[in-house]
Amino acid sequence: MAYRHISVMREEVLAHLNCSPGKVVVDGTLGGCGHADAILERIVPGGLLIGIDQDPEAIRHAEAIFKDRRDNVRLFHDNFANLPAILSKLAISGVDGILLDLGLSLYQLEASGRGFSFRREEPLDMRMDTESKTMAADLIQQADEKELARIFRQYGEERWANRIARAVVRRRKKRPIATAKDLSQIVAGAIPKTGAGGRIHPATRVFMALRIAVNQELARLEAFMDTVPELLNAGGRFCVLSFHSLEDRIVKHRLKQHAAGCICPPGLPVCTCNHQPTLRILTRRAATPSQEEVRANPMARSTRLRAAERL
């Protein structure tokens, strides 16, 4: 299966990024290159697309997609959190646009063989960067019950975190938990029948939590959000697509901080912080995909888009 990902809210992303010829734009999560290809079309001639992805398969796919347009493309196998170092390497002080699409690609779910899907008999890997050391299997086999419960609760907002962690530890004493499907069955068996209702599979939150922990997704997103204003030229745009509340909460709060004026504690008679806003928020509320898009691509239903502009 080719490395692919259906680009969510593509037209909305392009509108918020305000792409035009000659601009320098970063796609920090290339995936299947749907957004990146559309961006490149709008910034040539004279523009530069900087493409980043931590999945080496995504980079190989991007090299094939852009093989005839390499004069206008620079590709990096890296994490978007390292964008400041990448720009320094390119001797670029600021860019005109940055896009993050924080979702999994269809390739990762369906064909990577890394255990991202709880429906497949695949090794418990879950690394987006296959060169990193820690796999989901390492956490499942080595973390104690308390730590597993913390991961499931903090990163998956899993109501039954304690019960699931207890079931995992009980099972691994008998034999290793080797595959995604194996873990999925343990999780499903640990949740009371009355607590397993709803439209999502009972293992969804646990798998999300493990993926976040393995790839340090929230920590990297928080670190990156602190640097966004200094990476953008005046008038430059930042756009992010998030797919669960933990990601969206980080983006929302950091954008509000960057857009705020005075941040002194309430009650002070005069401002002493002299804090100046660096961003203007373009999305008063998170934008969501149209009903037509969700019908065509059900994976888009949880998407939240937020955008801002450098002052």
C-alpha atoms as a PDB file:
ATOM      1  CA  MET A   1       0.000   0.000   0.000  1.00  0.00           C
ATOM      2  CA  ALA A   2       1.346   3.437  -0.942  1.00  0.00           C
ATOM      3  CA  TYR A   3       1.933   5.927   1.848  1.00  0.00           C
ATOM      4  CA  ARG A   4      -1.281   7.895   1.825  1.00  0.00           C
ATOM      5  CA  HIS A   5      -3.424  10.111   3.987  1.00  0.00           C
ATOM      6  CA  ILE A   6      -6.648  11.870   3.065  1.00  0.00           C
ATOM      7  CA  SER A   7      -5.929  15.539   3.684  1.00  0.00           C
ATOM      8  CA  VAL A   8      -8.571  16.922   6.020  1.00  0.00           C
ATOM      9  CA  MET A   9     -10.073  20.418   5.546  1.00  0.00           C
ATOM     10  CA  ARG A  10      -7.679  21.117   2.680  1.00  0.00           C
ATOM     11  CA  GLU A  11      -9.416  24.209   1.326  1.00  0.00           C
ATOM     12  CA  GLU A  12      -9.807  25.711   4.800  1.00  0.00           C
ATOM     13  CA  VAL A  13      -6.117  25.116   5.512  1.00  0.00           C
ATOM     14  CA  LEU A  14      -5.061  26.773   2.256  1.00  0.00           C
ATOM     15  CA  ALA A  15      -7.301  29.761   2.932  1.00  0.00           C
ATOM     16  CA  HIS A  16      -5.891  30.296   6.429  1.00  0.00           C
ATOM     17  CA  LEU A  17      -2.277  29.893   5.283  1.00  0.00           C
ATOM     18  CA  ASN A  18      -2.866  32.555   2.611  1.00  0.00           C
ATOM     19  CA  CYS A  19      -0.344  30.973   0.235  1.00  0.00           C
ATOM     20  CA  SER A  20       0.976  32.950  -2.722  1.00  0.00           C
ATOM     21  CA  PRO A  21       4.007  32.824  -5.064  1.00  0.00           C
ATOM     22  CA  GLY A  22       7.370  33.466  -3.444  1.00  0.00           C
ATOM     23  CA  LYS A  23       6.406  32.490   0.110  1.00  0.00           C
ATOM     24  CA  VAL A  24       8.269  30.081   2.366  1.00  0.00           C
ATOM     25  CA  VAL A  25       5.892  27.594   3.989  1.00  0.00           C
ATOM     26  CA  VAL A  26       6.531  24.678   6.344  1.00  0.00           C
ATOM     27  CA  ASP A  27       4.486  21.487   6.389  1.00  0.00           C
ATOM     28  CA  GLY A  28       5.633  19.995   9.687  1.00  0.00           C
ATOM     29  CA  THR A  29       3.747  16.721   9.228  1.00  0.00           C
ATOM     30  CA  LEU A  30       3.956  15.674   5.583  1.00  0.00           C
ATOM     31  CA  GLY A  31       2.056  12.378   5.802  1.00  0.00           C
ATOM     32  CA  GLY A  32       0.718  11.593   2.333  1.00  0.00           C
ATOM     33  CA  CYS A  33       1.684  15.082   1.035  1.00  0.00           C
ATOM     34  CA  GLY A  34      -1.874  16.125   0.168  1.00  0.00           C
ATOM     35  CA  HIS A  35      -1.597  19.466   1.950  1.00  0.00           C
ATOM     36  CA  ALA A  36       2.055  19.922   0.935  1.00  0.00           C
ATOM     37  CA  ASP A  37       1.364  19.362  -2.766  1.00  0.00           C
ATOM     38  CA  ALA A  38      -1.458  21.913  -2.733  1.00  0.00           C
ATOM     39  CA  ILE A  39       0.714  24.417  -0.849  1.00  0.00           C
ATOM     40  CA  LEU A  40       3.577  24.021  -3.328  1.00  0.00           C
ATOM     41  CA  GLU A  41       1.277  24.690  -6.267  1.00  0.00           C
ATOM     42  CA  ARG A  42       0.359  28.047  -4.722  1.00  0.00           C
ATOM     43  CA  ILE A  43       3.829  29.275  -3.709  1.00  0.00           C
ATOM     44  CA  VAL A  44       5.643  28.702  -7.003  1.00  0.00           C
ATOM     45  CA  PRO A  45       7.307  30.335  -8.754  1.00  0.00           C
ATOM     46  CA  GLY A  46       9.886  31.535  -6.288  1.00  0.00           C
ATOM     47  CA  GLY A  47       8.475  29.852  -3.178  1.00  0.00           C
ATOM     48  CA  LEU A  48       9.973  27.204  -0.933  1.00  0.00           C
ATOM     49  CA  LEU A  49       8.226  24.278   0.763  1.00  0.00           C
ATOM     50  CA  ILE A  50       9.983  22.889   3.833  1.00  0.00           C
ATOM     51  CA  GLY A  51       8.595  19.423   4.491  1.00  0.00           C
ATOM     52  CA  ILE A  52       9.142  17.557   7.754  1.00  0.00           C
ATOM     53  CA  ASP A  53       8.012  14.163   8.962  1.00  0.00           C
ATOM     54  CA  GLN A  54       9.328  11.812  11.627  1.00  0.00           C
ATOM     55  CA  ASP A  55       8.164   8.743   9.685  1.00  0.00           C
ATOM     56  CA  PRO A  56      10.905   7.692   7.229  1.00  0.00           C
ATOM     57  CA  GLU A  57       8.270   6.099   4.994  1.00  0.00           C
ATOM     58  CA  ALA A  58       6.576   9.502   4.663  1.00  0.00           C
ATOM     59  CA  ILE A  59       9.864  11.092   3.633  1.00  0.00           C
ATOM     60  CA  ARG A  60      10.483   8.407   1.001  1.00  0.00           C
ATOM     61  CA  HIS A  61       6.975   9.014  -0.321  1.00  0.00           C
ATOM     62  CA  ALA A  62       7.561  12.786  -0.404  1.00  0.00           C
ATOM     63  CA  GLU A  63      10.821  12.320  -2.309  1.00  0.00           C
ATOM     64  CA  ALA A  64       8.887  10.479  -5.008  1.00  0.00           C
ATOM     65  CA  ILE A  65       6.055  13.039  -5.072  1.00  0.00           C
ATOM     66  CA  PHE A  66       8.392  16.024  -5.389  1.00  0.00           C
ATOM     67  CA  LYS A  67      11.217  14.459  -7.424  1.00  0.00           C
ATOM     68  CA  ASP A  68      10.648  16.853 -10.344  1.00  0.00           C
ATOM     69  CA  ARG A  69      10.233  19.944  -8.143  1.00  0.00           C
ATOM     70  CA  ARG A  70      13.155  19.646  -5.757  1.00  0.00           C
ATOM     71  CA  ASP A  71      14.383  23.197  -6.466  1.00  0.00           C
ATOM     72  CA  ASN A  72      11.377  24.421  -4.495  1.00  0.00           C
ATOM     73  CA  VAL A  73      11.339  21.721  -1.792  1.00  0.00           C
ATOM     74  CA  ARG A  74      13.514  20.820   1.194  1.00  0.00           C
ATOM     75  CA  LEU A  75      12.686  17.588   3.029  1.00  0.00           C
ATOM     76  CA  PHE A  76      13.725  16.588   6.545  1.00  0.00           C
ATOM     77  CA  HIS A  77      13.300  13.328   8.445  1.00  0.00           C
ATOM     78  CA  ASP A  78      12.741  14.949  11.824  1.00  0.00           C
ATOM     79  CA  ASN A  79      10.090  16.087  14.283  1.00  0.00           C
ATOM     80  CA  PHE A  80       8.427  19.480  13.805  1.00  0.00           C
ATOM     81  CA  ALA A  81       9.531  20.432  17.315  1.00  0.00           C
ATOM     82  CA  ASN A  82      13.043  20.768  15.857  1.00  0.00           C
ATOM     83  CA  LEU A  83      11.986  23.366  13.281  1.00  0.00           C
ATOM     84  CA  PRO A  84      14.159  26.115  14.845  1.00  0.00           C
ATOM     85  CA  ALA A  85      17.269  23.997  14.225  1.00  0.00           C
ATOM     86  CA  ILE A  86      16.110  23.117  10.695  1.00  0.00           C
ATOM     87  CA  LEU A  87      15.609  26.796   9.800  1.00  0.00           C
ATOM     88  CA  SER A  88      19.016  27.610  11.250  1.00  0.00           C
ATOM     89  CA  LYS A  89      20.558  24.919   9.041  1.00  0.00           C
ATOM     90  CA  LEU A  90      18.857  26.510   6.009  1.00  0.00           C
ATOM     91  CA  ALA A  91      19.930  30.023   7.097  1.00  0.00           C
ATOM     92  CA  ILE A  92      16.265  31.105   7.171  1.00  0.00           C
ATOM     93  CA  SER A  93      15.281  33.524   9.932  1.00  0.00           C
ATOM     94  CA  GLY A  94      11.500  33.262   9.519  1.00  0.00           C
ATOM     95  CA  VAL A  95       8.810  31.676   7.363  1.00  0.00           C
ATOM     96  CA  ASP A  96       5.476  32.818   5.947  1.00  0.00           C
ATOM     97  CA  GLY A  97       3.413  29.816   6.956  1.00  0.00           C
ATOM     98  CA  ILE A  98       3.472  26.721   9.155  1.00  0.00           C
ATOM     99  CA  LEU A  99       1.051  23.786   9.016  1.00  0.00           C
ATOM    100  CA  LEU A 100       0.730  20.917  11.492  1.00  0.00           C
ATOM    101  CA  ASP A 101      -1.637  18.031  10.808  1.00  0.00           C
ATOM    102  CA  LEU A 102      -1.491  15.981  14.006  1.00  0.00           C
ATOM    103  CA  GLY A 103      -3.493  12.999  12.778  1.00  0.00           C
ATOM    104  CA  LEU A 104      -2.330   9.503  11.871  1.00  0.00           C
ATOM    105  CA  SER A 105      -2.081   8.663   8.186  1.00  0.00           C
ATOM    106  CA  LEU A 106      -4.083   5.868   6.603  1.00  0.00           C
ATOM    107  CA  TYR A 107      -0.779   4.205   5.787  1.00  0.00           C
ATOM    108  CA  GLN A 108       0.240   4.127   9.447  1.00  0.00           C
ATOM    109  CA  LEU A 109      -3.101   2.652  10.447  1.00  0.00           C
ATOM    110  CA  GLU A 110      -3.574   0.180   7.622  1.00  0.00           C
ATOM    111  CA  ALA A 111      -0.222  -0.800   6.181  1.00  0.00           C
ATOM    112  CA  SER A 112       2.716   0.203   8.385  1.00  0.00           C
ATOM    113  CA  GLY A 113       2.572  -3.019  10.436  1.00  0.00           C
ATOM    114  CA  ARG A 114       3.370  -1.065  13.610  1.00  0.00           C
ATOM    115  CA  GLY A 115       0.290  -1.851  15.676  1.00  0.00           C
ATOM    116  CA  PHE A 116      -1.441   1.525  15.496  1.00  0.00           C
ATOM    117  CA  SER A 117      -4.772  -0.215  14.904  1.00  0.00           C
ATOM    118  CA  PHE A 118      -6.333  -2.311  17.665  1.00  0.00           C
ATOM    119  CA  ARG A 119      -7.979  -4.474  15.015  1.00  0.00           C
ATOM    120  CA  ARG A 120      -4.787  -5.964  13.575  1.00  0.00           C
ATOM    121  CA  GLU A 121      -2.480  -8.810  14.541  1.00  0.00           C
ATOM    122  CA  GLU A 122       0.632  -6.622  14.442  1.00  0.00           C
ATOM    123  CA  PRO A 123       3.594  -6.059  16.786  1.00  0.00           C
ATOM    124  CA  LEU A 124       2.996  -3.471  19.500  1.00  0.00           C
ATOM    125  CA  ASP A 125       5.332  -0.860  18.045  1.00  0.00           C
ATOM    126  CA  MET A 126       3.452   2.463  17.595  1.00  0.00           C
ATOM    127  CA  ARG A 127       6.613   4.430  16.828  1.00  0.00           C
ATOM    128  CA  MET A 128       6.070   7.135  14.232  1.00  0.00           C
ATOM    129  CA  ASP A 129       9.842   7.342  13.862  1.00  0.00           C
ATOM    130  CA  THR A 130      11.059   3.767  13.446  1.00  0.00           C
ATOM    131  CA  GLU A 131      14.562   4.888  14.452  1.00  0.00           C
ATOM    132  CA  SER A 132      13.478   5.847  17.970  1.00  0.00           C
ATOM    133  CA  LYS A 133      14.113   3.367  20.771  1.00  0.00           C
ATOM    134  CA  THR A 134      10.983   2.916  22.868  1.00  0.00           C
ATOM    135  CA  MET A 135       8.083   0.877  21.500  1.00  0.00           C
ATOM    136  CA  ALA A 136       4.599   0.438  22.944  1.00  0.00           C
ATOM    137  CA  ALA A 137       5.521  -3.157  23.814  1.00  0.00           C
ATOM    138  CA  ASP A 138       8.299  -1.829  26.064  1.00  0.00           C
ATOM    139  CA  LEU A 139       5.828   0.255  28.063  1.00  0.00           C
ATOM    140  CA  ILE A 140       3.281  -2.550  28.251  1.00  0.00           C
ATOM    141  CA  GLN A 141       5.866  -5.086  29.448  1.00  0.00           C
ATOM    142  CA  GLN A 142       8.000  -2.889  31.732  1.00  0.00           C
ATOM    143  CA  ALA A 143       5.914  -0.063  33.250  1.00  0.00           C
ATOM    144  CA  ASP A 144       4.405  -0.848  36.643  1.00  0.00           C
ATOM    145  CA  GLU A 145       0.668  -0.856  37.224  1.00  0.00           C
ATOM    146  CA  LYS A 146       0.603   2.680  38.609  1.00  0.00           C
ATOM    147  CA  GLU A 147       2.505   4.098  35.640  1.00  0.00           C
ATOM    148  CA  LEU A 148       0.327   2.274  33.118  1.00  0.00           C
ATOM    149  CA  ALA A 149      -2.800   3.628  34.802  1.00  0.00           C
ATOM    150  CA  ARG A 150      -1.328   7.142  34.682  1.00  0.00           C
ATOM    151  CA  ILE A 151      -0.597   6.844  30.950  1.00  0.00           C
ATOM    152  CA  PHE A 152      -4.089   5.544  30.164  1.00  0.00           C
ATOM    153  CA  ARG A 153      -5.756   8.226  32.299  1.00  0.00           C
ATOM    154  CA  GLN A 154      -3.584  11.232  31.422  1.00  0.00           C
ATOM    155  CA  TYR A 155      -3.127  10.657  27.709  1.00  0.00           C
ATOM    156  CA  GLY A 156      -6.264   8.695  26.898  1.00  0.00           C
ATOM    157  CA  GLU A 157      -8.703  10.190  29.422  1.00  0.00           C
ATOM    158  CA  GLU A 158      -9.669   6.573  30.075  1.00  0.00           C
ATOM    159  CA  ARG A 159     -12.264   6.159  32.817  1.00  0.00           C
ATOM    160  CA  TRP A 160     -11.259   2.538  33.506  1.00  0.00           C
ATOM    161  CA  ALA A 161      -7.498   3.159  33.583  1.00  0.00           C
ATOM    162  CA  ASN A 162      -6.897   1.358  36.874  1.00  0.00           C
ATOM    163  CA  ARG A 163      -8.835  -1.737  35.875  1.00  0.00           C
ATOM    164  CA  ILE A 164      -7.126  -1.935  32.497  1.00  0.00           C
ATOM    165  CA  ALA A 165      -3.646  -1.489  34.000  1.00  0.00           C
ATOM    166  CA  ARG A 166      -4.383  -4.232  36.530  1.00  0.00           C
ATOM    167  CA  ALA A 167      -5.544  -6.566  33.748  1.00  0.00           C
ATOM    168  CA  VAL A 168      -2.416  -5.842  31.695  1.00  0.00           C
ATOM    169  CA  VAL A 169      -0.080  -6.610  34.603  1.00  0.00           C
ATOM    170  CA  ARG A 170      -2.019  -9.774  35.470  1.00  0.00           C
ATOM    171  CA  ARG A 171      -1.833 -11.049  31.920  1.00  0.00           C
ATOM    172  CA  ARG A 172       1.849 -10.254  31.302  1.00  0.00           C
ATOM    173  CA  LYS A 173       2.835 -12.346  34.324  1.00  0.00           C
ATOM    174  CA  LYS A 174       1.547 -15.354  32.398  1.00  0.00           C
ATOM    175  CA  ARG A 175       2.918 -14.544  28.944  1.00  0.00           C
ATOM    176  CA  PRO A 176       4.091 -11.474  26.999  1.00  0.00           C
ATOM    177  CA  ILE A 177       1.543  -9.183  25.368  1.00  0.00           C
ATOM    178  CA  ALA A 178       2.984  -9.269  21.889  1.00  0.00           C
ATOM    179  CA  THR A 179       0.418  -7.867  19.442  1.00  0.00           C
ATOM    180  CA  ALA A 180      -2.029  -5.011  19.069  1.00  0.00           C
ATOM    181  CA  LYS A 181      -4.973  -7.384  18.822  1.00  0.00           C
ATOM    182  CA  ASP A 182      -3.848  -9.165  21.981  1.00  0.00           C
ATOM    183  CA  LEU A 183      -3.807  -5.891  23.932  1.00  0.00           C
ATOM    184  CA  SER A 184      -7.130  -4.864  22.440  1.00  0.00           C
ATOM    185  CA  GLN A 185      -8.764  -8.030  23.751  1.00  0.00           C
ATOM    186  CA  ILE A 186      -7.292  -7.509  27.232  1.00  0.00           C
ATOM    187  CA  VAL A 187      -8.644  -3.961  27.347  1.00  0.00           C
ATOM    188  CA  ALA A 188     -12.085  -5.015  26.143  1.00  0.00           C
ATOM    189  CA  GLY A 189     -12.203  -7.751  28.772  1.00  0.00           C
ATOM    190  CA  ALA A 190     -11.221  -5.363  31.576  1.00  0.00           C
ATOM    191  CA  ILE A 191     -14.031  -2.864  30.966  1.00  0.00           C
ATOM    192  CA  PRO A 192     -17.469  -3.646  32.450  1.00  0.00           C
ATOM    193  CA  LYS A 193     -20.078  -4.333  29.798  1.00  0.00           C
ATOM    194  CA  THR A 194     -22.080  -1.341  31.052  1.00  0.00           C
ATOM    195  CA  GLY A 195     -19.025   0.907  30.643  1.00  0.00           C
ATOM    196  CA  ALA A 196     -18.141  -0.141  27.106  1.00  0.00           C
ATOM    197  CA  GLY A 197     -20.999   1.618  25.346  1.00  0.00           C
ATOM    198  CA  GLY A 198     -20.689   4.336  22.735  1.00  0.00           C
ATOM    199  CA  ARG A 199     -19.587   4.382  19.138  1.00  0.00           C
ATOM    200  CA  ILE A 200     -15.855   3.904  19.704  1.00  0.00           C
ATOM    201  CA  HIS A 201     -14.075   0.617  20.316  1.00  0.00           C
ATOM    202  CA  PRO A 202     -13.275   0.057  24.032  1.00  0.00           C
ATOM    203  CA  ALA A 203      -9.530  -0.008  23.260  1.00  0.00           C
ATOM    204  CA  THR A 204      -9.497   3.329  21.385  1.00  0.00           C
ATOM    205  CA  ARG A 205      -8.411   5.506  24.311  1.00  0.00           C
ATOM    206  CA  VAL A 206      -5.736   3.081  25.517  1.00  0.00           C
ATOM    207  CA  PHE A 207      -4.182   2.857  22.057  1.00  0.00           C
ATOM    208  CA  MET A 208      -4.232   6.640  21.724  1.00  0.00           C
ATOM    209  CA  ALA A 209      -2.592   6.993  25.142  1.00  0.00           C
ATOM    210  CA  LEU A 210       0.182   4.534  24.294  1.00  0.00           C
ATOM    211  CA  ARG A 211       0.838   6.226  20.950  1.00  0.00           C
ATOM    212  CA  ILE A 212       1.083   9.621  22.640  1.00  0.00           C
ATOM    213  CA  ALA A 213       3.441   8.268  25.313  1.00  0.00           C
ATOM    214  CA  VAL A 214       5.685   6.400  22.857  1.00  0.00           C
ATOM    215  CA  ASN A 215       6.067   9.409  20.558  1.00  0.00           C
ATOM    216  CA  GLN A 216       6.074  12.108  23.284  1.00  0.00           C
ATOM    217  CA  GLU A 217       3.443  13.889  21.248  1.00  0.00           C
ATOM    218  CA  LEU A 218       2.082  16.319  23.822  1.00  0.00           C
ATOM    219  CA  ALA A 219       5.474  17.347  25.193  1.00  0.00           C
ATOM    220  CA  ARG A 220       6.749  18.052  21.688  1.00  0.00           C
ATOM    221  CA  LEU A 221       3.611  19.975  20.767  1.00  0.00           C
ATOM    222  CA  GLU A 222       3.877  22.109  23.918  1.00  0.00           C
ATOM    223  CA  ALA A 223       7.541  22.882  23.211  1.00  0.00           C
ATOM    224  CA  PHE A 224       6.763  23.802  19.605  1.00  0.00           C
ATOM    225  CA  MET A 225       3.818  26.033  20.520  1.00  0.00           C
ATOM    226  CA  ASP A 226       6.143  28.135  22.682  1.00  0.00           C
ATOM    227  CA  THR A 227       8.328  28.886  19.652  1.00  0.00           C
ATOM    228  CA  VAL A 228       5.675  29.626  16.998  1.00  0.00           C
ATOM    229  CA  PRO A 229       5.794  33.461  17.038  1.00  0.00           C
ATOM    230  CA  GLU A 230       9.565  33.647  16.689  1.00  0.00           C
ATOM    231  CA  LEU A 231       9.479  31.292  13.681  1.00  0.00           C
ATOM    232  CA  LEU A 232       7.036  33.404  11.667  1.00  0.00           C
ATOM    233  CA  ASN A 233       7.682  36.542   9.645  1.00  0.00           C
ATOM    234  CA  ALA A 234       5.342  39.480  10.228  1.00  0.00           C
ATOM    235  CA  GLY A 235       2.004  38.533   8.683  1.00  0.00           C
ATOM    236  CA  GLY A 236       3.001  34.859   8.596  1.00  0.00           C
ATOM    237  CA  ARG A 237       0.257  32.313   9.287  1.00  0.00           C
ATOM    238  CA  PHE A 238       0.151  29.263  11.567  1.00  0.00           C
ATOM    239  CA  CYS A 239      -2.454  26.538  11.091  1.00  0.00           C
ATOM    240  CA  VAL A 240      -2.915  23.323  13.092  1.00  0.00           C
ATOM    241  CA  LEU A 241      -5.289  20.379  12.701  1.00  0.00           C
ATOM    242  CA  SER A 242      -5.822  18.442  15.916  1.00  0.00           C
ATOM    243  CA  PHE A 243      -7.864  15.306  16.447  1.00  0.00           C
ATOM    244  CA  HIS A 244      -8.457  14.976  20.173  1.00  0.00           C
ATOM    245  CA  SER A 245      -9.110  17.294  23.093  1.00  0.00           C
ATOM    246  CA  LEU A 246      -5.643  17.061  24.654  1.00  0.00           C
ATOM    247  CA  GLU A 247      -3.939  18.384  21.519  1.00  0.00           C
ATOM    248  CA  ASP A 248      -6.581  21.025  20.874  1.00  0.00           C
ATOM    249  CA  ARG A 249      -6.411  22.245  24.474  1.00  0.00           C
ATOM    250  CA  ILE A 250      -2.657  22.817  24.222  1.00  0.00           C
ATOM    251  CA  VAL A 251      -2.995  24.691  20.927  1.00  0.00           C
ATOM    252  CA  LYS A 252      -5.915  26.802  22.158  1.00  0.00           C
ATOM    253  CA  HIS A 253      -4.234  27.851  25.414  1.00  0.00           C
ATOM    254  CA  ARG A 254      -0.845  28.606  23.842  1.00  0.00           C
ATOM    255  CA  LEU A 255      -2.428  30.709  21.104  1.00  0.00           C
ATOM    256  CA  LYS A 256      -4.359  32.670  23.733  1.00  0.00           C
ATOM    257  CA  GLN A 257      -1.127  33.314  25.640  1.00  0.00           C
ATOM    258  CA  HIS A 258       0.646  34.547  22.509  1.00  0.00           C
ATOM    259  CA  ALA A 259      -2.328  36.770  21.617  1.00  0.00           C
ATOM    260  CA  ALA A 260      -2.648  38.259  25.110  1.00  0.00           C
ATOM    261  CA  GLY A 261      -1.509  41.714  26.134  1.00  0.00           C
ATOM    262  CA  CYS A 262      -0.991  42.207  29.849  1.00  0.00           C
ATOM    263  CA  ILE A 263      -0.465  38.959  31.785  1.00  0.00           C
ATOM    264  CA  CYS A 264      -0.071  40.499  35.230  1.00  0.00           C
ATOM    265  CA  PRO A 265      -1.956  38.837  38.112  1.00  0.00           C
ATOM    266  CA  PRO A 266      -5.514  40.189  38.485  1.00  0.00           C
ATOM    267  CA  GLY A 267      -5.871  43.072  40.918  1.00  0.00           C
ATOM    268  CA  LEU A 268      -2.624  44.944  40.258  1.00  0.00           C
ATOM    269  CA  PRO A 269      -3.331  48.678  39.887  1.00  0.00           C
ATOM    270  CA  VAL A 270      -0.902  49.064  36.948  1.00  0.00           C
ATOM    271  CA  CYS A 271       0.693  46.701  34.445  1.00  0.00           C
ATOM    272  CA  THR A 272       4.248  45.711  35.322  1.00  0.00           C
ATOM    273  CA  CYS A 273       4.804  42.836  32.866  1.00  0.00           C
ATOM    274  CA  ASN A 274       4.949  44.938  29.671  1.00  0.00           C
ATOM    275  CA  HIS A 275       3.910  41.835  27.767  1.00  0.00           C
ATOM    276  CA  GLN A 276       2.980  42.461  24.151  1.00  0.00           C
ATOM    277  CA  PRO A 277       0.858  40.174  21.953  1.00  0.00           C
ATOM    278  CA  THR A 278       2.742  38.408  19.177  1.00  0.00           C
ATOM    279  CA  LEU A 279      -0.127  36.617  17.406  1.00  0.00           C
ATOM    280  CA  ARG A 280      -3.633  37.456  16.222  1.00  0.00           C
ATOM    281  CA  ILE A 281      -6.026  34.529  16.437  1.00  0.00           C
ATOM    282  CA  LEU A 282      -7.897  33.971  13.165  1.00  0.00           C
ATOM    283  CA  THR A 283     -10.301  31.290  14.416  1.00  0.00           C
ATOM    284  CA  ARG A 284     -12.474  32.602  17.263  1.00  0.00           C
ATOM    285  CA  ARG A 285     -13.614  29.027  17.747  1.00  0.00           C
ATOM    286  CA  ALA A 286     -12.037  25.900  16.331  1.00  0.00           C
ATOM    287  CA  ALA A 287     -13.284  25.260  12.799  1.00  0.00           C
ATOM    288  CA  THR A 288     -14.641  21.816  11.975  1.00  0.00           C
ATOM    289  CA  PRO A 289     -15.098  19.894   8.699  1.00  0.00           C
ATOM    290  CA  SER A 290     -18.311  20.144   6.729  1.00  0.00           C
ATOM    291  CA  GLN A 291     -20.933  17.421   6.915  1.00  0.00           C
ATOM    292  CA  GLU A 292     -20.119  16.528   3.312  1.00  0.00           C
ATOM    293  CA  GLU A 293     -16.451  15.979   4.156  1.00  0.00           C
ATOM    294  CA  VAL A 294     -17.284  13.843   7.180  1.00  0.00           C
ATOM    295  CA  ARG A 295     -19.614  11.708   5.074  1.00  0.00           C
ATOM    296  CA  ALA A 296     -16.847  11.217   2.497  1.00  0.00           C
ATOM    297  CA  ASN A 297     -14.148  10.675   5.133  1.00  0.00           C
ATOM    298  CA  PRO A 298     -15.482   9.606   8.571  1.00  0.00           C
ATOM    299  CA  MET A 299     -11.950   9.885  10.026  1.00  0.00           C
ATOM    300  CA  ALA A 300     -12.320  13.660   9.684  1.00  0.00           C
ATOM    301  CA  ARG A 301     -15.182  13.926  12.162  1.00  0.00           C
ATOM    302  CA  SER A 302     -13.047  14.841  15.190  1.00  0.00           C
ATOM    303  CA  THR A 303     -10.882  17.420  13.387  1.00  0.00           C
ATOM    304  CA  ARG A 304     -10.392  20.847  14.950  1.00  0.00           C
ATOM    305  CA  LEU A 305      -8.647  23.599  12.999  1.00  0.00           C
ATOM    306  CA  ARG A 306      -7.093  26.649  14.661  1.00  0.00           C
ATOM    307  CA  ALA A 307      -5.112  29.409  12.960  1.00  0.00           C
ATOM    308  CA  ALA A 308      -3.242  32.556  13.889  1.00  0.00           C
ATOM    309  CA  GLU A 309      -1.229  35.357  12.266  1.00  0.00           C
ATOM    310  CA  ARG A 310       2.077  36.881  13.381  1.00  0.00           C
ATOM    311  CA  LEU A 311       1.718  40.542  14.346  1.00  0.00           C
END
